[in-house]
Amino acid sequence: MLEAAGIETFYGASQALFGVDLQVGEGQMVALLGRNGMGKTTTIRSLCGLTPARRGSIRFRDKEIRGLPAFRIARLGIGLVPEGRRCFANLTVRENLVATARQGEEGGEGWDLQSVAALFPRLGERAGQIARTLSGGEQQMLAIGRALMTNPRLLILDEATEGLAPVIRQEIWTAIRDVKGRGQAILIVDKNLKDLLPLADACVILEKGVSVWIGRAADLAGDAALQDRFLGV
């Protein structure tokens, strides 16, 4: 579904990515890992056209998307849950969800207000509440729900559970498990390996803007030395 090869991205004259490779297949969940500052968010921004890659190839469903504006990439079927949630603070929960909603390409059953409320009952209970008054965990649920309302072919989550209370974190992981179980392709960044690796199919580890390890999540889960080498503090 998504194939990136040799992505090189710059912020002005400063190079941030020096050759990132990754693939996400249909219905697959891929974890993008690495220590802080290694290029995970920049990779996501490059894939979504928010910080365009200067070199390399990014193909989504057999179409080259490097160089396309971010809104066109989103319309092709990539839904983003950005780091920091970035809900529309002055809109209600319901308004946030419908603001960018669109029908899935194939029609039939897709994500709508009812199915998002079933996934996150708190959002249904707070449909008329202004987003800025929600807790951090509720805002993260809203950000995920908003992305799902675009009925994406690929869902990208940047720091899916960062900074959340343990009980809320588990609610988010339960929802991600549910979404994956529906056949949703997912690219996810998160530091919580205990919850992440059992769900993921594959992992890509970044080191200083380069893909340094690509393999099965089960292999990474069983290799403490590899985790310590690339992910340890």
Protein backbone atom coordinates (compact mmCIF):
# COMPACT_ATOMS: atom_id res chain seq x y z
CA MET A 1 0.00 0.00 0.00
CA LEU A 2 2.74 2.46 1.01
CA GLU A 3 6.35 2.16 -0.09
CA ALA A 4 8.99 4.76 0.70
CA ALA A 5 12.56 4.45 -0.52
CA GLY A 6 15.56 6.66 0.14
CA ILE A 7 13.62 9.58 1.62
CA GLU A 8 15.82 12.62 2.21
CA THR A 9 14.21 15.63 3.87
CA PHE A 10 15.58 19.03 4.83
CA TYR A 11 14.57 21.90 7.07
CA GLY A 12 16.07 24.76 5.10
CA ALA A 13 19.73 23.89 4.64
CA SER A 14 19.71 21.37 7.50
CA GLN A 15 19.19 17.75 6.47
CA ALA A 16 17.00 15.68 8.80
CA LEU A 17 16.45 12.43 6.86
CA PHE A 18 19.33 10.75 5.04
CA GLY A 19 17.65 7.68 3.56
CA VAL A 20 14.47 6.31 5.10
CA ASP A 21 12.91 3.14 3.70
CA LEU A 22 9.65 1.58 4.84
CA GLN A 23 6.68 -0.38 3.58
CA VAL A 24 3.13 -0.86 4.84
CA GLY A 25 0.99 -3.58 3.29
CA GLU A 26 -2.79 -3.90 3.13
CA GLY A 27 -4.18 -4.52 6.61
CA GLN A 28 -0.69 -4.39 8.12
CA MET A 29 0.38 -2.49 11.22
CA VAL A 30 3.93 -1.16 11.07
CA ALA A 31 5.69 0.48 14.02
CA LEU A 32 8.11 3.33 13.30
CA LEU A 33 10.62 3.36 16.15
CA GLY A 34 13.74 5.15 17.31
CA ARG A 35 15.06 7.33 20.10
CA ASN A 36 13.96 10.97 20.38
CA GLY A 37 15.25 13.16 17.59
CA MET A 38 16.00 10.34 15.14
CA GLY A 39 13.51 11.44 12.48
CA LYS A 40 10.22 9.67 13.19
CA THR A 41 7.99 12.74 13.07
CA THR A 42 9.89 14.17 10.10
CA THR A 43 9.34 10.87 8.28
CA ILE A 44 5.61 11.09 8.93
CA ARG A 45 5.52 14.72 7.83
CA SER A 46 7.37 13.74 4.65
CA LEU A 47 4.93 10.92 3.89
CA CYS A 48 1.98 13.30 4.35
CA GLY A 49 3.51 16.16 2.35
CA LEU A 50 3.70 18.51 5.34
CA THR A 51 7.50 18.71 5.13
CA PRO A 52 8.13 17.55 1.56
CA ALA A 53 10.97 15.14 0.94
CA ARG A 54 13.62 16.55 -1.40
CA ARG A 55 14.80 13.19 -2.69
CA GLY A 56 13.59 9.59 -2.77
CA SER A 57 10.34 7.90 -3.73
CA ILE A 58 7.04 7.72 -1.85
CA ARG A 59 4.44 5.54 -3.52
CA PHE A 60 0.92 5.11 -2.16
CA ARG A 61 -1.29 2.51 -3.84
CA ASP A 62 1.05 2.46 -6.86
CA LYS A 63 0.99 6.24 -7.25
CA GLU A 64 4.03 8.45 -6.71
CA ILE A 65 3.00 11.05 -4.13
CA ARG A 66 6.29 12.78 -3.34
CA GLY A 67 5.84 16.38 -4.35
CA LEU A 68 2.05 16.40 -4.05
CA PRO A 69 0.51 18.97 -1.67
CA ALA A 70 -0.62 17.64 1.69
CA PHE A 71 -4.35 18.06 0.98
CA ARG A 72 -4.11 15.90 -2.15
CA ILE A 73 -2.22 13.19 -0.26
CA ALA A 74 -4.93 13.21 2.42
CA ARG A 75 -7.62 12.88 -0.24
CA LEU A 76 -5.87 9.84 -1.68
CA GLY A 77 -6.62 8.05 1.59
CA ILE A 78 -4.04 8.84 4.26
CA GLY A 79 -5.44 9.84 7.65
CA LEU A 80 -3.08 11.45 10.16
CA VAL A 81 -3.30 11.63 13.95
CA PRO A 82 -0.54 14.20 14.56
CA GLU A 83 1.71 14.51 17.56
CA GLY A 84 0.06 16.94 19.98
CA ARG A 85 -3.49 16.00 18.79
CA ARG A 86 -4.23 19.42 17.24
CA CYS A 87 -7.97 19.27 17.61
CA PHE A 88 -9.97 22.32 16.55
CA ALA A 89 -10.04 23.88 20.00
CA ASN A 90 -13.12 26.09 19.57
CA LEU A 91 -15.29 23.47 17.86
CA THR A 92 -17.40 20.85 19.60
CA VAL A 93 -16.53 17.16 19.54
CA ARG A 94 -19.16 16.55 16.87
CA GLU A 95 -17.96 19.50 14.77
CA ASN A 96 -14.38 18.22 14.95
CA LEU A 97 -15.50 14.81 13.72
CA VAL A 98 -17.58 16.05 10.79
CA ALA A 99 -15.25 18.89 9.74
CA THR A 100 -13.10 16.70 7.50
CA ALA A 101 -15.31 13.62 7.21
CA ARG A 102 -15.71 11.91 3.87
CA GLN A 103 -17.14 8.68 2.58
CA GLY A 104 -14.91 5.71 1.88
CA GLU A 105 -14.11 4.99 -1.75
CA GLU A 106 -15.88 1.66 -1.92
CA GLY A 107 -19.03 2.79 -0.15
CA GLY A 108 -20.67 0.30 2.19
CA GLU A 109 -19.78 0.29 5.88
CA GLY A 110 -17.34 2.99 6.87
CA TRP A 111 -16.58 5.22 9.82
CA ASP A 112 -19.32 7.64 10.84
CA LEU A 113 -20.43 9.38 14.04
CA GLN A 114 -22.11 6.25 15.35
CA SER A 115 -19.18 3.90 14.77
CA VAL A 116 -16.67 6.38 16.23
CA ALA A 117 -18.90 6.78 19.31
CA ALA A 118 -19.01 2.99 19.60
CA LEU A 119 -15.20 2.89 19.49
CA PHE A 120 -14.86 5.79 21.96
CA PRO A 121 -18.07 6.08 24.06
CA ARG A 122 -16.70 9.20 25.77
CA LEU A 123 -16.89 11.06 22.46
CA GLY A 124 -20.55 10.17 22.11
CA GLU A 125 -21.20 11.38 25.65
CA ARG A 126 -19.38 14.67 24.99
CA ALA A 127 -20.58 15.33 21.43
CA GLY A 128 -21.65 18.88 22.27
CA GLN A 129 -18.61 19.74 24.40
CA ILE A 130 -15.97 22.22 23.18
CA ALA A 131 -12.76 20.36 22.35
CA ARG A 132 -10.45 22.58 24.41
CA THR A 133 -12.34 21.57 27.57
CA LEU A 134 -11.61 17.84 27.07
CA SER A 135 -8.88 16.02 28.96
CA GLY A 136 -5.70 15.11 27.11
CA GLY A 137 -6.83 11.52 26.73
CA GLU A 138 -10.21 12.58 25.37
CA GLN A 139 -8.53 14.91 22.90
CA GLN A 140 -6.41 12.01 21.68
CA MET A 141 -9.55 9.92 21.21
CA LEU A 142 -11.03 12.83 19.28
CA ALA A 143 -7.93 13.13 17.07
CA ILE A 144 -8.11 9.41 16.25
CA GLY A 145 -11.86 9.61 15.63
CA ARG A 146 -11.41 12.62 13.36
CA ALA A 147 -8.82 10.75 11.27
CA LEU A 148 -11.06 7.69 11.04
CA MET A 149 -13.97 9.86 9.86
CA THR A 150 -11.98 10.49 6.66
CA ASN A 151 -12.27 6.71 6.06
CA PRO A 152 -8.55 6.38 5.31
CA ARG A 153 -6.89 3.50 3.52
CA LEU A 154 -3.83 4.15 5.72
CA LEU A 155 -4.05 5.52 9.28
CA ILE A 156 -0.89 7.18 10.64
CA LEU A 157 -0.55 7.82 14.37
CA ASP A 158 2.34 9.90 15.70
CA GLU A 159 2.96 9.27 19.44
CA ALA A 160 -0.32 7.43 19.89
CA THR A 161 -0.31 7.30 23.71
CA GLU A 162 2.40 9.75 24.79
CA GLY A 163 1.73 11.52 28.08
CA LEU A 164 -1.55 9.76 28.81
CA ALA A 165 -2.61 8.22 32.12
CA PRO A 166 -2.25 4.42 32.17
CA VAL A 167 -6.01 3.75 32.19
CA ILE A 168 -6.56 6.05 29.19
CA ARG A 169 -3.55 4.55 27.44
CA GLN A 170 -5.13 1.12 27.68
CA GLU A 171 -8.39 2.45 26.23
CA ILE A 172 -6.43 3.80 23.26
CA TRP A 173 -4.61 0.50 22.72
CA THR A 174 -7.90 -1.39 22.89
CA ALA A 175 -9.32 0.92 20.23
CA ILE A 176 -6.23 0.53 18.02
CA ARG A 177 -6.55 -3.25 18.33
CA ASP A 178 -10.19 -2.96 17.26
CA VAL A 179 -9.33 -0.74 14.30
CA LYS A 180 -6.59 -3.09 13.16
CA GLY A 181 -9.00 -6.01 13.48
CA ARG A 182 -11.20 -4.35 10.88
CA GLY A 183 -8.40 -4.64 8.35
CA GLN A 184 -7.13 -1.07 8.65
CA ALA A 185 -3.54 -0.48 7.53
CA ILE A 186 -1.69 1.45 10.25
CA LEU A 187 1.68 3.18 10.59
CA ILE A 188 2.28 4.04 14.24
CA VAL A 189 4.87 5.79 16.38
CA ASP A 190 4.87 5.00 20.10
CA LYS A 191 7.45 4.34 22.79
CA ASN A 192 5.38 1.78 24.72
CA LEU A 193 6.89 -1.40 23.31
CA LYS A 194 5.04 -3.64 25.76
CA ASP A 195 1.70 -2.73 24.20
CA LEU A 196 2.93 -1.91 20.71
CA LEU A 197 4.98 -4.94 19.66
CA PRO A 198 2.28 -7.59 20.26
CA LEU A 199 -0.02 -5.64 17.92
CA ALA A 200 2.48 -4.71 15.21
CA ASP A 201 3.33 -6.91 12.26
CA ALA A 202 6.60 -5.21 11.35
CA CYS A 203 8.95 -2.53 12.67
CA VAL A 204 11.23 0.09 11.15
CA ILE A 205 13.90 1.58 13.41
CA LEU A 206 15.42 4.97 12.61
CA GLU A 207 18.85 6.14 13.71
CA LYS A 208 19.93 9.68 12.79
CA GLY A 209 17.51 9.88 9.90
CA VAL A 210 18.29 6.50 8.39
CA SER A 211 16.40 3.19 8.47
CA VAL A 212 18.83 0.96 10.33
CA TRP A 213 16.62 -2.09 11.03
CA ILE A 214 13.51 -3.44 9.31
CA GLY A 215 11.93 -6.69 10.38
CA ARG A 216 9.15 -8.56 12.12
CA ALA A 217 7.82 -7.13 15.37
CA ALA A 218 8.07 -10.60 16.93
CA ASP A 219 11.80 -10.68 16.19
CA LEU A 220 12.35 -7.28 17.82
CA ALA A 221 10.23 -8.29 20.83
CA GLY A 222 12.46 -11.30 21.40
CA ASP A 223 15.78 -9.48 21.03
CA ALA A 224 16.60 -7.42 24.14
CA ALA A 225 20.07 -6.56 22.83
CA LEU A 226 18.61 -5.07 19.64
CA GLN A 227 16.12 -3.04 21.65
CA ASP A 228 18.87 -1.74 23.92
CA ARG A 229 21.13 -0.90 20.98
CA PHE A 230 18.64 1.25 19.09
CA LEU A 231 15.87 2.11 21.56
CA GLY A 232 17.49 2.16 25.00
CA VAL A 233 17.92 5.42 26.83
